[in-house]
Amino acid sequence: MAAMIIAIAIIVYSVLAWIFGVTLQPGWHSTIFGPYFVIAAVFSGTGLLIILMYIYRRVYHLEEYITKRHFVNVGVLLIIIAAFYGYFTFSDYLTKWYGSIKMDSLLIDKLFHDYFALFIFANYIGILLPCIIIAFPRFRTIRNITIAAVIAVTGTVGEPLYYRHSYT
């Protein structure tokens, strides 16, 4: 079932990316959207998995079964996926910034001016802070890894909010 669900998720997010890619909406016509959407879903899904592990561990008293090792291993997976997600995010904005399409240039300017705080949170804090928290062994506690996951999920969810409103 898991293999089937992963395949279906890849298909669904790729089709969604193609639908956005064929629009005339500024900023939404990019060939990178297919893998970008898939990796964003995996990134937020991994963060949500950590959060749910924490909740189930506390509610059902599963401390003996869900250990720190599990959180660290899934946290390292979150770092790896964050690197991919950060790369796709950077590539998407870089091509818009250096591109010659005027509407994309106006979009980037509006993101930096009108939605600066959300932009910084989603693209820097939401990606880099979880990596920093989990990368250093001294910060790798169950609580800190869960906080990093909450930041990652919040940053991933926050990105479409400012991105969608920046066209109006």
Protein backbone atom coordinates (compact mmCIF):
# COMPACT_ATOMS: atom_id res chain seq x y z
CA MET A 1 0.00 0.00 0.00
CA ALA A 2 2.78 2.46 0.86
CA ALA A 3 4.43 2.01 -2.54
CA MET A 4 1.08 2.58 -4.23
CA ILE A 5 0.37 5.69 -2.17
CA ILE A 6 3.81 7.14 -2.95
CA ALA A 7 3.29 6.53 -6.67
CA ILE A 8 -0.17 8.12 -6.55
CA ALA A 9 1.17 11.12 -4.62
CA ILE A 10 3.91 11.67 -7.22
CA ILE A 11 1.36 11.47 -10.02
CA VAL A 12 -1.10 13.82 -8.31
CA TYR A 13 1.49 16.48 -7.45
CA SER A 14 3.05 16.26 -10.92
CA VAL A 15 -0.31 16.74 -12.60
CA LEU A 16 -1.07 19.65 -10.28
CA ALA A 17 2.28 21.20 -11.21
CA TRP A 18 1.52 20.77 -14.93
CA ILE A 19 -1.86 22.46 -14.46
CA PHE A 20 -0.15 25.46 -12.84
CA GLY A 21 2.66 25.35 -15.41
CA VAL A 22 0.36 25.89 -18.39
CA THR A 23 -1.36 28.95 -16.95
CA LEU A 24 -0.55 32.49 -17.95
CA GLN A 25 -0.38 33.57 -14.30
CA PRO A 26 2.99 35.26 -13.63
CA GLY A 27 5.31 33.08 -11.58
CA TRP A 28 3.35 29.88 -12.08
CA HIS A 29 4.73 28.82 -15.45
CA SER A 30 7.89 26.93 -14.57
CA THR A 31 9.18 23.54 -15.65
CA ILE A 32 10.64 22.91 -12.19
CA PHE A 33 7.21 22.70 -10.54
CA GLY A 34 6.79 18.91 -10.96
CA PRO A 35 9.69 17.81 -8.75
CA TYR A 36 9.32 20.96 -6.62
CA PHE A 37 5.74 20.10 -5.63
CA VAL A 38 6.63 16.45 -4.97
CA ILE A 39 9.60 17.33 -2.75
CA ALA A 40 7.52 19.96 -0.91
CA ALA A 41 4.92 17.29 -0.15
CA VAL A 42 7.59 14.88 1.08
CA PHE A 43 9.21 17.65 3.17
CA SER A 44 5.99 18.63 4.91
CA GLY A 45 4.96 14.98 5.22
CA THR A 46 8.21 14.10 6.98
CA GLY A 47 7.73 17.02 9.36
CA LEU A 48 4.18 15.91 10.04
CA LEU A 49 5.41 12.36 10.69
CA ILE A 50 7.74 13.68 13.40
CA ILE A 51 4.92 15.70 14.97
CA LEU A 52 2.58 12.70 14.97
CA MET A 53 5.30 10.46 16.42
CA TYR A 54 5.68 12.93 19.28
CA ILE A 55 1.92 13.13 19.90
CA TYR A 56 1.40 9.35 19.79
CA ARG A 57 4.42 8.79 22.01
CA ARG A 58 3.02 11.15 24.64
CA VAL A 59 -0.66 10.22 24.45
CA TYR A 60 -0.23 6.45 24.36
CA HIS A 61 2.89 6.30 26.57
CA LEU A 62 5.03 4.69 23.87
CA GLU A 63 8.36 6.02 25.17
CA GLU A 64 9.69 2.47 25.31
CA TYR A 65 8.89 1.84 21.64
CA ILE A 66 9.35 5.22 19.96
CA THR A 67 12.79 6.28 21.12
CA LYS A 68 15.13 9.17 20.55
CA ARG A 69 16.85 7.10 17.87
CA HIS A 70 13.65 7.11 15.80
CA PHE A 71 13.35 10.88 16.07
CA VAL A 72 17.01 11.41 15.13
CA ASN A 73 16.74 9.11 12.10
CA VAL A 74 13.59 10.78 10.77
CA GLY A 75 15.15 14.16 11.62
CA VAL A 76 18.19 13.35 9.47
CA LEU A 77 15.79 12.40 6.68
CA LEU A 78 14.13 15.80 7.17
CA ILE A 79 17.53 17.51 6.71
CA ILE A 80 18.19 15.64 3.46
CA ILE A 81 14.76 16.50 2.09
CA ALA A 82 15.16 20.11 3.27
CA ALA A 83 18.34 20.35 1.19
CA PHE A 84 16.41 19.29 -1.91
CA TYR A 85 13.48 21.57 -1.07
CA GLY A 86 15.81 24.51 -0.47
CA TYR A 87 17.54 23.86 -3.79
CA PHE A 88 14.25 23.82 -5.70
CA THR A 89 13.03 26.94 -3.91
CA PHE A 90 16.26 28.79 -4.63
CA SER A 91 16.25 27.66 -8.27
CA ASP A 92 12.66 28.77 -8.76
CA TYR A 93 13.27 32.27 -7.40
CA LEU A 94 16.68 32.61 -9.06
CA THR A 95 15.30 31.92 -12.54
CA LYS A 96 12.49 34.42 -11.95
CA TRP A 97 14.91 37.01 -10.61
CA TYR A 98 17.40 36.72 -13.47
CA GLY A 99 14.79 36.06 -16.14
CA SER A 100 13.77 38.63 -18.67
CA ILE A 101 10.02 38.39 -18.07
CA LYS A 102 8.79 41.68 -16.63
CA MET A 103 5.87 40.18 -14.67
CA ASP A 104 8.20 37.74 -12.89
CA SER A 105 10.47 40.63 -11.95
CA LEU A 106 7.49 42.55 -10.56
CA LEU A 107 6.44 39.44 -8.63
CA ILE A 108 9.85 39.10 -6.97
CA ASP A 109 9.83 42.82 -6.09
CA LYS A 110 6.37 42.50 -4.54
CA LEU A 111 7.42 39.42 -2.54
CA PHE A 112 10.41 41.27 -1.12
CA HIS A 113 8.45 44.39 -0.25
CA ASP A 114 4.88 43.43 0.64
CA TYR A 115 5.42 39.92 1.98
CA PHE A 116 8.99 40.14 3.28
CA ALA A 117 8.36 38.55 6.70
CA LEU A 118 6.41 35.61 5.28
CA PHE A 119 8.95 35.21 2.48
CA ILE A 120 11.87 35.07 4.92
CA PHE A 121 10.04 32.70 7.27
CA ALA A 122 8.99 30.28 4.53
CA ASN A 123 12.23 30.29 2.57
CA TYR A 124 14.93 30.71 5.15
CA ILE A 125 13.68 30.00 8.65
CA GLY A 126 11.38 27.17 7.51
CA ILE A 127 14.22 25.42 5.70
CA LEU A 128 17.45 26.40 7.44
CA LEU A 129 16.41 26.45 11.11
CA PRO A 130 15.21 22.81 11.16
CA CYS A 131 18.47 21.81 9.49
CA ILE A 132 20.53 23.67 12.08
CA ILE A 133 18.57 22.24 15.00
CA ILE A 134 18.85 18.65 13.80
CA ALA A 135 22.37 18.85 12.33
CA PHE A 136 24.11 19.57 15.62
CA PRO A 137 24.09 16.56 17.98
CA ARG A 138 23.89 18.83 21.00
CA PHE A 139 20.46 20.11 19.91
CA ARG A 140 19.09 16.67 18.97
CA THR A 141 16.50 16.13 21.64
CA ILE A 142 13.04 14.76 20.98
CA ARG A 143 11.52 18.12 21.88
CA ASN A 144 13.88 20.12 19.64
CA ILE A 145 13.42 17.78 16.68
CA THR A 146 9.65 18.14 17.08
CA ILE A 147 9.97 21.93 17.22
CA ALA A 148 12.10 21.80 14.06
CA ALA A 149 9.37 19.73 12.39
CA VAL A 150 6.70 22.25 13.41
CA ILE A 151 8.81 25.05 11.92
CA ALA A 152 9.32 23.06 8.70
CA VAL A 153 5.61 22.30 8.29
CA THR A 154 4.62 25.90 9.10
CA GLY A 155 7.15 27.24 6.60
CA THR A 156 5.95 24.88 3.89
CA VAL A 157 2.31 25.78 4.48
CA GLY A 158 3.11 29.51 4.67
CA GLU A 159 4.77 29.70 1.26
CA PRO A 160 1.60 29.34 -0.86
CA LEU A 161 -0.14 31.96 1.29
CA TYR A 162 2.11 34.86 0.33
CA TYR A 163 2.85 33.48 -3.15
CA ARG A 164 -0.83 33.32 -4.08
CA HIS A 165 -1.67 36.76 -2.68
CA SER A 166 1.29 38.44 -4.32
CA TYR A 167 -0.50 38.52 -7.69
CA THR A 168 -3.40 40.68 -6.56
